[in-house]
């Protein structure tokens, strides 16, 4: 499932997992998470200045709970892709 305008990290619906990756498209980010059994969601950003400079950034997360994702004006440039989303 896709959660546009939402971010996920420690204390905000997920646990940081692995190392972030740059120079990726949204599809690349989602695919890398899909291939990794320990990754339950991935956060992608391409529109913020720092994300554009990196060519699109992807952060991997485990233990993702969509109901706890941060969703406010600060997260508008993030999209979180969840592999097996539970109902919120």
PDB file of N, CA and C in Angstrom:
ATOM      1  N   UNK A   1       0.839  -1.180   0.000  1.00  0.00           N
ATOM      2  CA  UNK A   1       0.000   0.000   0.000  1.00  0.00           C
ATOM      3  C   UNK A   1       0.884   1.243   0.000  1.00  0.00           C
ATOM      4  N   UNK A   2       0.355   2.313  -0.535  1.00  0.00           N
ATOM      5  CA  UNK A   2       1.084   3.568  -0.643  1.00  0.00           C
ATOM      6  C   UNK A   2       0.459   4.617   0.259  1.00  0.00           C
ATOM      7  N   UNK A   3       1.294   5.296   1.034  1.00  0.00           N
ATOM      8  CA  UNK A   3       0.847   6.344   1.947  1.00  0.00           C
ATOM      9  C   UNK A   3       1.558   7.639   1.574  1.00  0.00           C
ATOM     10  N   UNK A   4       0.974   8.372   0.623  1.00  0.00           N
ATOM     11  CA  UNK A   4       1.561   9.617   0.146  1.00  0.00           C
ATOM     12  C   UNK A   4       1.474  10.688   1.226  1.00  0.00           C
ATOM     13  N   UNK A   5       2.524  11.509   1.328  1.00  0.00           N
ATOM     14  CA  UNK A   5       2.547  12.593   2.306  1.00  0.00           C
ATOM     15  C   UNK A   5       2.732  12.116   3.733  1.00  0.00           C
ATOM     16  N   UNK A   6       3.243  10.890   3.896  1.00  0.00           N
ATOM     17  CA  UNK A   6       3.445  10.334   5.235  1.00  0.00           C
ATOM     18  C   UNK A   6       4.869   9.810   5.370  1.00  0.00           C
ATOM     19  N   UNK A   7       5.419   9.961   6.578  1.00  0.00           N
ATOM     20  CA  UNK A   7       6.774   9.524   6.870  1.00  0.00           C
ATOM     21  C   UNK A   7       6.743   8.544   8.030  1.00  0.00           C
ATOM     22  N   UNK A   8       7.759   7.720   8.106  1.00  0.00           N
ATOM     23  CA  UNK A   8       7.829   6.651   9.107  1.00  0.00           C
ATOM     24  C   UNK A   8       9.272   6.510   9.577  1.00  0.00           C
ATOM     25  N   UNK A   9       9.470   6.471  10.893  1.00  0.00           N
ATOM     26  CA  UNK A   9      10.794   6.229  11.473  1.00  0.00           C
ATOM     27  C   UNK A   9      10.597   5.874  12.941  1.00  0.00           C
ATOM     28  N   UNK A  10      11.697   5.708  13.676  1.00  0.00           N
ATOM     29  CA  UNK A  10      11.615   5.324  15.089  1.00  0.00           C
ATOM     30  C   UNK A  10      10.651   6.241  15.836  1.00  0.00           C
ATOM     31  N   UNK A  11       9.681   5.650  16.501  1.00  0.00           N
ATOM     32  CA  UNK A  11       8.710   6.414  17.267  1.00  0.00           C
ATOM     33  C   UNK A  11       7.574   6.979  16.432  1.00  0.00           C
ATOM     34  N   UNK A  12       7.613   6.770  15.131  1.00  0.00           N
ATOM     35  CA  UNK A  12       6.573   7.276  14.229  1.00  0.00           C
ATOM     36  C   UNK A  12       6.123   6.166  13.283  1.00  0.00           C
ATOM     37  N   UNK A  13       5.751   5.035  13.860  1.00  0.00           N
ATOM     38  CA  UNK A  13       5.178   3.950  13.083  1.00  0.00           C
ATOM     39  C   UNK A  13       6.147   2.968  12.464  1.00  0.00           C
ATOM     40  N   UNK A  14       7.405   3.011  12.848  1.00  0.00           N
ATOM     41  CA  UNK A  14       8.360   2.050  12.310  1.00  0.00           C
ATOM     42  C   UNK A  14       9.681   2.090  13.043  1.00  0.00           C
ATOM     43  N   UNK A  15      10.561   1.203  12.663  1.00  0.00           N
ATOM     44  CA  UNK A  15      11.894   1.108  13.243  1.00  0.00           C
ATOM     45  C   UNK A  15      12.891   1.191  12.097  1.00  0.00           C
ATOM     46  N   UNK A  16      13.887   2.065  12.238  1.00  0.00           N
ATOM     47  CA  UNK A  16      14.895   2.207  11.192  1.00  0.00           C
ATOM     48  C   UNK A  16      15.571   0.866  10.946  1.00  0.00           C
ATOM     49  N   UNK A  17      15.781   0.558   9.655  1.00  0.00           N
ATOM     50  CA  UNK A  17      16.301  -0.745   9.260  1.00  0.00           C
ATOM     51  C   UNK A  17      17.299  -0.558   8.115  1.00  0.00           C
ATOM     52  N   UNK A  18      18.467  -1.095   8.252  1.00  0.00           N
ATOM     53  CA  UNK A  18      19.459  -1.012   7.189  1.00  0.00           C
ATOM     54  C   UNK A  18      19.962   0.402   6.977  1.00  0.00           C
ATOM     55  N   UNK A  19      20.581   0.619   5.825  1.00  0.00           N
ATOM     56  CA  UNK A  19      21.152   1.913   5.484  1.00  0.00           C
ATOM     57  C   UNK A  19      20.319   2.585   4.402  1.00  0.00           C
ATOM     58  N   UNK A  20      20.199   3.904   4.468  1.00  0.00           N
ATOM     59  CA  UNK A  20      19.463   4.603   3.409  1.00  0.00           C
ATOM     60  C   UNK A  20      20.198   4.492   2.074  1.00  0.00           C
ATOM     61  N   UNK A  21      19.447   4.647   0.997  1.00  0.00           N
ATOM     62  CA  UNK A  21      20.024   4.558  -0.346  1.00  0.00           C
ATOM     63  C   UNK A  21      19.627   5.784  -1.151  1.00  0.00           C
ATOM     64  N   UNK A  22      20.557   6.283  -1.951  1.00  0.00           N
ATOM     65  CA  UNK A  22      20.288   7.439  -2.794  1.00  0.00           C
ATOM     66  C   UNK A  22      20.327   7.083  -4.264  1.00  0.00           C
ATOM     67  N   UNK A  23      19.991   8.052  -5.085  1.00  0.00           N
ATOM     68  CA  UNK A  23      19.988   7.904  -6.537  1.00  0.00           C
ATOM     69  C   UNK A  23      19.044   6.803  -6.996  1.00  0.00           C
ATOM     70  N   UNK A  24      17.832   6.811  -6.425  1.00  0.00           N
ATOM     71  CA  UNK A  24      16.826   5.798  -6.745  1.00  0.00           C
ATOM     72  C   UNK A  24      15.522   6.459  -7.167  1.00  0.00           C
ATOM     73  N   UNK A  25      14.755   5.732  -7.973  1.00  0.00           N
ATOM     74  CA  UNK A  25      13.385   6.147  -8.261  1.00  0.00           C
ATOM     75  C   UNK A  25      12.485   5.566  -7.172  1.00  0.00           C
ATOM     76  N   UNK A  26      11.253   6.009  -7.135  1.00  0.00           N
ATOM     77  CA  UNK A  26      10.296   5.462  -6.171  1.00  0.00           C
ATOM     78  C   UNK A  26      10.124   3.962  -6.393  1.00  0.00           C
ATOM     79  N   UNK A  27      10.060   3.545  -7.645  1.00  0.00           N
ATOM     80  CA  UNK A  27       9.906   2.113  -7.960  1.00  0.00           C
ATOM     81  C   UNK A  27      11.104   1.305  -7.488  1.00  0.00           C
ATOM     82  N   UNK A  28      12.312   1.863  -7.658  1.00  0.00           N
ATOM     83  CA  UNK A  28      13.525   1.184  -7.178  1.00  0.00           C
ATOM     84  C   UNK A  28      13.466   0.994  -5.670  1.00  0.00           C
ATOM     85  N   UNK A  29      13.061   2.042  -4.974  1.00  0.00           N
ATOM     86  CA  UNK A  29      12.982   2.021  -3.511  1.00  0.00           C
ATOM     87  C   UNK A  29      12.022   0.930  -3.048  1.00  0.00           C
ATOM     88  N   UNK A  30      10.844   0.928  -3.634  1.00  0.00           N
ATOM     89  CA  UNK A  30       9.832  -0.066  -3.272  1.00  0.00           C
ATOM     90  C   UNK A  30      10.316  -1.476  -3.583  1.00  0.00           C
ATOM     91  N   UNK A  31      10.967  -1.664  -4.721  1.00  0.00           N
ATOM     92  CA  UNK A  31      11.456  -2.986  -5.122  1.00  0.00           C
ATOM     93  C   UNK A  31      12.543  -3.503  -4.188  1.00  0.00           C
ATOM     94  N   UNK A  32      13.448  -2.622  -3.747  1.00  0.00           N
ATOM     95  CA  UNK A  32      14.504  -3.051  -2.816  1.00  0.00           C
ATOM     96  C   UNK A  32      13.905  -3.544  -1.503  1.00  0.00           C
ATOM     97  N   UNK A  33      12.900  -2.848  -1.014  1.00  0.00           N
ATOM     98  CA  UNK A  33      12.239  -3.285   0.217  1.00  0.00           C
ATOM     99  C   UNK A  33      11.528  -4.624  -0.006  1.00  0.00           C
ATOM    100  N   UNK A  34      10.862  -4.760  -1.142  1.00  0.00           N
ATOM    101  CA  UNK A  34      10.119  -5.983  -1.443  1.00  0.00           C
ATOM    102  C   UNK A  34      11.023  -7.217  -1.449  1.00  0.00           C
ATOM    103  N   UNK A  35      12.274  -7.037  -1.844  1.00  0.00           N
ATOM    104  CA  UNK A  35      13.233  -8.155  -1.929  1.00  0.00           C
ATOM    105  C   UNK A  35      13.831  -8.529  -0.575  1.00  0.00           C
ATOM    106  N   UNK A  36      13.674  -7.675   0.416  1.00  0.00           N
ATOM    107  CA  UNK A  36      14.313  -7.872   1.718  1.00  0.00           C
ATOM    108  C   UNK A  36      13.263  -8.306   2.747  1.00  0.00           C
ATOM    109  N   UNK A  37      13.388  -9.524   3.250  1.00  0.00           N
ATOM    110  CA  UNK A  37      12.393 -10.058   4.190  1.00  0.00           C
ATOM    111  C   UNK A  37      12.281  -9.233   5.466  1.00  0.00           C
ATOM    112  N   UNK A  38      13.348  -8.550   5.876  1.00  0.00           N
ATOM    113  CA  UNK A  38      13.319  -7.764   7.109  1.00  0.00           C
ATOM    114  C   UNK A  38      12.718  -6.378   6.948  1.00  0.00           C
ATOM    115  N   UNK A  39      12.530  -5.951   5.719  1.00  0.00           N
ATOM    116  CA  UNK A  39      11.981  -4.628   5.444  1.00  0.00           C
ATOM    117  C   UNK A  39      10.464  -4.736   5.324  1.00  0.00           C
ATOM    118  N   UNK A  40       9.738  -3.984   6.137  1.00  0.00           N
ATOM    119  CA  UNK A  40       8.277  -4.027   6.014  1.00  0.00           C
ATOM    120  C   UNK A  40       7.714  -2.782   5.352  1.00  0.00           C
ATOM    121  N   UNK A  41       8.521  -1.714   5.269  1.00  0.00           N
ATOM    122  CA  UNK A  41       8.106  -0.549   4.488  1.00  0.00           C
ATOM    123  C   UNK A  41       9.327   0.277   4.120  1.00  0.00           C
ATOM    124  N   UNK A  42       9.152   1.133   3.122  1.00  0.00           N
ATOM    125  CA  UNK A  42      10.229   2.007   2.669  1.00  0.00           C
ATOM    126  C   UNK A  42       9.670   3.413   2.512  1.00  0.00           C
ATOM    127  N   UNK A  43      10.471   4.386   2.888  1.00  0.00           N
ATOM    128  CA  UNK A  43      10.095   5.801   2.765  1.00  0.00           C
ATOM    129  C   UNK A  43      10.903   6.390   1.624  1.00  0.00           C
ATOM    130  N   UNK A  44      10.216   7.065   0.710  1.00  0.00           N
ATOM    131  CA  UNK A  44      10.873   7.656  -0.453  1.00  0.00           C
ATOM    132  C   UNK A  44      10.645   9.153  -0.484  1.00  0.00           C
ATOM    133  N   UNK A  45      11.668   9.882  -0.906  1.00  0.00           N
ATOM    134  CA  UNK A  45      11.598  11.334  -1.026  1.00  0.00           C
ATOM    135  C   UNK A  45      12.400  11.753  -2.251  1.00  0.00           C
ATOM    136  N   UNK A  46      11.790  12.574  -3.106  1.00  0.00           N
ATOM    137  CA  UNK A  46      12.516  13.078  -4.265  1.00  0.00           C
ATOM    138  C   UNK A  46      12.351  14.582  -4.453  1.00  0.00           C
ATOM    139  N   UNK A  47      11.391  15.189  -3.785  1.00  0.00           N
ATOM    140  CA  UNK A  47      11.065  16.589  -4.036  1.00  0.00           C
ATOM    141  C   UNK A  47      11.767  17.591  -3.124  1.00  0.00           C
ATOM    142  N   UNK A  48      12.113  17.196  -1.913  1.00  0.00           N
ATOM    143  CA  UNK A  48      12.833  18.125  -1.038  1.00  0.00           C
ATOM    144  C   UNK A  48      14.203  18.395  -1.629  1.00  0.00           C
ATOM    145  N   UNK A  49      14.748  19.562  -1.334  1.00  0.00           N
ATOM    146  CA  UNK A  49      16.044  19.967  -1.896  1.00  0.00           C
ATOM    147  C   UNK A  49      17.133  18.925  -1.627  1.00  0.00           C
ATOM    148  N   UNK A  50      17.240  18.439  -0.384  1.00  0.00           N
ATOM    149  CA  UNK A  50      18.282  17.457  -0.056  1.00  0.00           C
ATOM    150  C   UNK A  50      18.043  16.119  -0.752  1.00  0.00           C
ATOM    151  N   UNK A  51      16.789  15.758  -0.960  1.00  0.00           N
ATOM    152  CA  UNK A  51      16.480  14.503  -1.645  1.00  0.00           C
ATOM    153  C   UNK A  51      16.788  14.614  -3.137  1.00  0.00           C
ATOM    154  N   UNK A  52      16.456  15.765  -3.729  1.00  0.00           N
ATOM    155  CA  UNK A  52      16.769  15.978  -5.152  1.00  0.00           C
ATOM    156  C   UNK A  52      18.272  15.920  -5.377  1.00  0.00           C
ATOM    157  N   UNK A  53      19.034  16.524  -4.471  1.00  0.00           N
ATOM    158  CA  UNK A  53      20.489  16.542  -4.601  1.00  0.00           C
ATOM    159  C   UNK A  53      21.059  15.128  -4.584  1.00  0.00           C
ATOM    160  N   UNK A  54      20.372  14.225  -3.879  1.00  0.00           N
ATOM    161  CA  UNK A  54      20.837  12.839  -3.788  1.00  0.00           C
ATOM    162  C   UNK A  54      20.238  11.969  -4.895  1.00  0.00           C
ATOM    163  N   UNK A  55      19.429  12.553  -5.765  1.00  0.00           N
ATOM    164  CA  UNK A  55      18.824  11.784  -6.848  1.00  0.00           C
ATOM    165  C   UNK A  55      17.649  10.940  -6.408  1.00  0.00           C
ATOM    166  N   UNK A  56      17.025  11.289  -5.294  1.00  0.00           N
ATOM    167  CA  UNK A  56      15.928  10.492  -4.725  1.00  0.00           C
ATOM    168  C   UNK A  56      16.466   9.634  -3.597  1.00  0.00           C
ATOM    169  N   UNK A  57      15.883   9.767  -2.418  1.00  0.00           N
ATOM    170  CA  UNK A  57      16.363   9.034  -1.234  1.00  0.00           C
ATOM    171  C   UNK A  57      15.347   7.985  -0.792  1.00  0.00           C
ATOM    172  N   UNK A  58      15.859   6.894  -0.269  1.00  0.00           N
ATOM    173  CA  UNK A  58      15.036   5.785   0.201  1.00  0.00           C
ATOM    174  C   UNK A  58      15.554   5.320   1.561  1.00  0.00           C
ATOM    175  N   UNK A  59      14.635   5.218   2.529  1.00  0.00           N
ATOM    176  CA  UNK A  59      14.956   4.716   3.861  1.00  0.00           C
ATOM    177  C   UNK A  59      14.119   3.476   4.109  1.00  0.00           C
ATOM    178  N   UNK A  60      14.716   2.471   4.709  1.00  0.00           N
ATOM    179  CA  UNK A  60      14.034   1.203   4.954  1.00  0.00           C
ATOM    180  C   UNK A  60      13.625   1.110   6.422  1.00  0.00           C
ATOM    181  N   UNK A  61      12.471   0.480   6.644  1.00  0.00           N
ATOM    182  CA  UNK A  61      11.919   0.373   7.995  1.00  0.00           C
ATOM    183  C   UNK A  61      11.374  -1.032   8.236  1.00  0.00           C
ATOM    184  N   UNK A  62      11.329  -1.410   9.500  1.00  0.00           N
ATOM    185  CA  UNK A  62      10.677  -2.658   9.909  1.00  0.00           C
ATOM    186  C   UNK A  62       9.565  -2.287  10.891  1.00  0.00           C
ATOM    187  N   UNK A  63       8.742  -3.258  11.208  1.00  0.00           N
ATOM    188  CA  UNK A  63       7.663  -3.090  12.201  1.00  0.00           C
ATOM    189  C   UNK A  63       6.766  -1.883  11.878  1.00  0.00           C
ATOM    190  N   UNK A  64       6.382  -1.734  10.626  1.00  0.00           N
ATOM    191  CA  UNK A  64       5.616  -0.561  10.186  1.00  0.00           C
ATOM    192  C   UNK A  64       4.145  -0.649  10.586  1.00  0.00           C
ATOM    193  N   UNK A  65       3.654   0.438  11.143  1.00  0.00           N
ATOM    194  CA  UNK A  65       2.257   0.561  11.574  1.00  0.00           C
ATOM    195  C   UNK A  65       1.703   1.848  10.959  1.00  0.00           C
ATOM    196  N   UNK A  66       1.002   1.751   9.826  1.00  0.00           N
ATOM    197  CA  UNK A  66       0.532   2.942   9.132  1.00  0.00           C
ATOM    198  C   UNK A  66      -0.258   3.927   9.984  1.00  0.00           C
ATOM    199  N   UNK A  67      -1.021   3.455  10.942  1.00  0.00           N
ATOM    200  CA  UNK A  67      -1.808   4.359  11.785  1.00  0.00           C
ATOM    201  C   UNK A  67      -0.928   5.292  12.611  1.00  0.00           C
ATOM    202  N   UNK A  68       0.342   4.936  12.756  1.00  0.00           N
ATOM    203  CA  UNK A  68       1.258   5.750  13.563  1.00  0.00           C
ATOM    204  C   UNK A  68       2.224   6.589  12.726  1.00  0.00           C
ATOM    205  N   UNK A  69       2.110   6.534  11.389  1.00  0.00           N
ATOM    206  CA  UNK A  69       2.980   7.337  10.538  1.00  0.00           C
ATOM    207  C   UNK A  69       2.735   8.815  10.802  1.00  0.00           C
ATOM    208  N   UNK A  70       3.783   9.614  10.636  1.00  0.00           N
ATOM    209  CA  UNK A  70       3.615  11.058  10.773  1.00  0.00           C
ATOM    210  C   UNK A  70       3.025  11.595   9.470  1.00  0.00           C
ATOM    211  N   UNK A  71       2.000  12.419   9.602  1.00  0.00           N
ATOM    212  CA  UNK A  71       1.367  13.024   8.439  1.00  0.00           C
ATOM    213  C   UNK A  71       0.993  14.463   8.788  1.00  0.00           C
ATOM    214  N   UNK A  72       1.829  15.390   8.321  1.00  0.00           N
ATOM    215  CA  UNK A  72       1.598  16.813   8.556  1.00  0.00           C
ATOM    216  C   UNK A  72       2.316  17.597   7.461  1.00  0.00           C
ATOM    217  N   UNK A  73       2.397  18.889   7.602  1.00  0.00           N
ATOM    218  CA  UNK A  73       3.017  19.700   6.550  1.00  0.00           C
ATOM    219  C   UNK A  73       4.500  19.361   6.343  1.00  0.00           C
ATOM    220  N   UNK A  74       5.166  18.861   7.353  1.00  0.00           N
ATOM    221  CA  UNK A  74       6.584  18.512   7.233  1.00  0.00           C
ATOM    222  C   UNK A  74       6.801  17.218   6.444  1.00  0.00           C
ATOM    223  N   UNK A  75       5.762  16.425   6.262  1.00  0.00           N
ATOM    224  CA  UNK A  75       5.923  15.130   5.595  1.00  0.00           C
ATOM    225  C   UNK A  75       5.351  15.111   4.173  1.00  0.00           C
ATOM    226  N   UNK A  76       4.969  16.263   3.660  1.00  0.00           N
ATOM    227  CA  UNK A  76       4.314  16.310   2.350  1.00  0.00           C
ATOM    228  C   UNK A  76       5.180  15.762   1.220  1.00  0.00           C
ATOM    229  N   UNK A  77       6.493  15.807   1.335  1.00  0.00           N
ATOM    230  CA  UNK A  77       7.387  15.340   0.278  1.00  0.00           C
ATOM    231  C   UNK A  77       7.780  13.871   0.408  1.00  0.00           C
ATOM    232  N   UNK A  78       7.216  13.171   1.370  1.00  0.00           N
ATOM    233  CA  UNK A  78       7.557  11.769   1.601  1.00  0.00           C
ATOM    234  C   UNK A  78       6.402  10.858   1.204  1.00  0.00           C
ATOM    235  N   UNK A  79       6.744   9.670   0.747  1.00  0.00           N
ATOM    236  CA  UNK A  79       5.761   8.622   0.476  1.00  0.00           C
ATOM    237  C   UNK A  79       6.284   7.353   1.122  1.00  0.00           C
ATOM    238  N   UNK A  80       5.419   6.670   1.854  1.00  0.00           N
ATOM    239  CA  UNK A  80       5.808   5.427   2.499  1.00  0.00           C
ATOM    240  C   UNK A  80       5.089   4.263   1.804  1.00  0.00           C
ATOM    241  N   UNK A  81       5.871   3.279   1.395  1.00  0.00           N
ATOM    242  CA  UNK A  81       5.359   2.086   0.736  1.00  0.00           C
ATOM    243  C   UNK A  81       5.399   0.932   1.727  1.00  0.00           C
ATOM    244  N   UNK A  82       4.260   0.322   2.009  1.00  0.00           N
ATOM    245  CA  UNK A  82       4.170  -0.747   3.001  1.00  0.00           C
ATOM    246  C   UNK A  82       3.911  -2.069   2.281  1.00  0.00           C
ATOM    247  N   UNK A  83       4.711  -3.093   2.600  1.00  0.00           N
ATOM    248  CA  UNK A  83       4.561  -4.410   1.949  1.00  0.00           C
ATOM    249  C   UNK A  83       3.270  -5.093   2.351  1.00  0.00           C
ATOM    250  N   UNK A  84       3.043  -5.246   3.641  1.00  0.00           N
ATOM    251  CA  UNK A  84       1.868  -5.972   4.129  1.00  0.00           C
ATOM    252  C   UNK A  84       1.133  -5.094   5.122  1.00  0.00           C
ATOM    253  N   UNK A  85       0.478  -4.062   4.626  1.00  0.00           N
ATOM    254  CA  UNK A  85      -0.185  -3.096   5.510  1.00  0.00           C
ATOM    255  C   UNK A  85      -1.343  -3.733   6.244  1.00  0.00           C
ATOM    256  N   UNK A  86      -1.397  -3.482   7.526  1.00  0.00           N
ATOM    257  CA  UNK A  86      -2.517  -3.902   8.346  1.00  0.00           C
ATOM    258  C   UNK A  86      -3.557  -2.797   8.322  1.00  0.00           C
ATOM    259  N   UNK A  87      -4.819  -3.122   8.470  1.00  0.00           N
ATOM    260  CA  UNK A  87      -5.841  -2.062   8.493  1.00  0.00           C
ATOM    261  C   UNK A  87      -5.551  -1.058   9.601  1.00  0.00           C
ATOM    262  N   UNK A  88      -5.802   0.211   9.318  1.00  0.00           N
ATOM    263  CA  UNK A  88      -5.533   1.266  10.302  1.00  0.00           C
ATOM    264  C   UNK A  88      -6.795   1.622  11.065  1.00  0.00           C
TER     265      UNK A  88
END
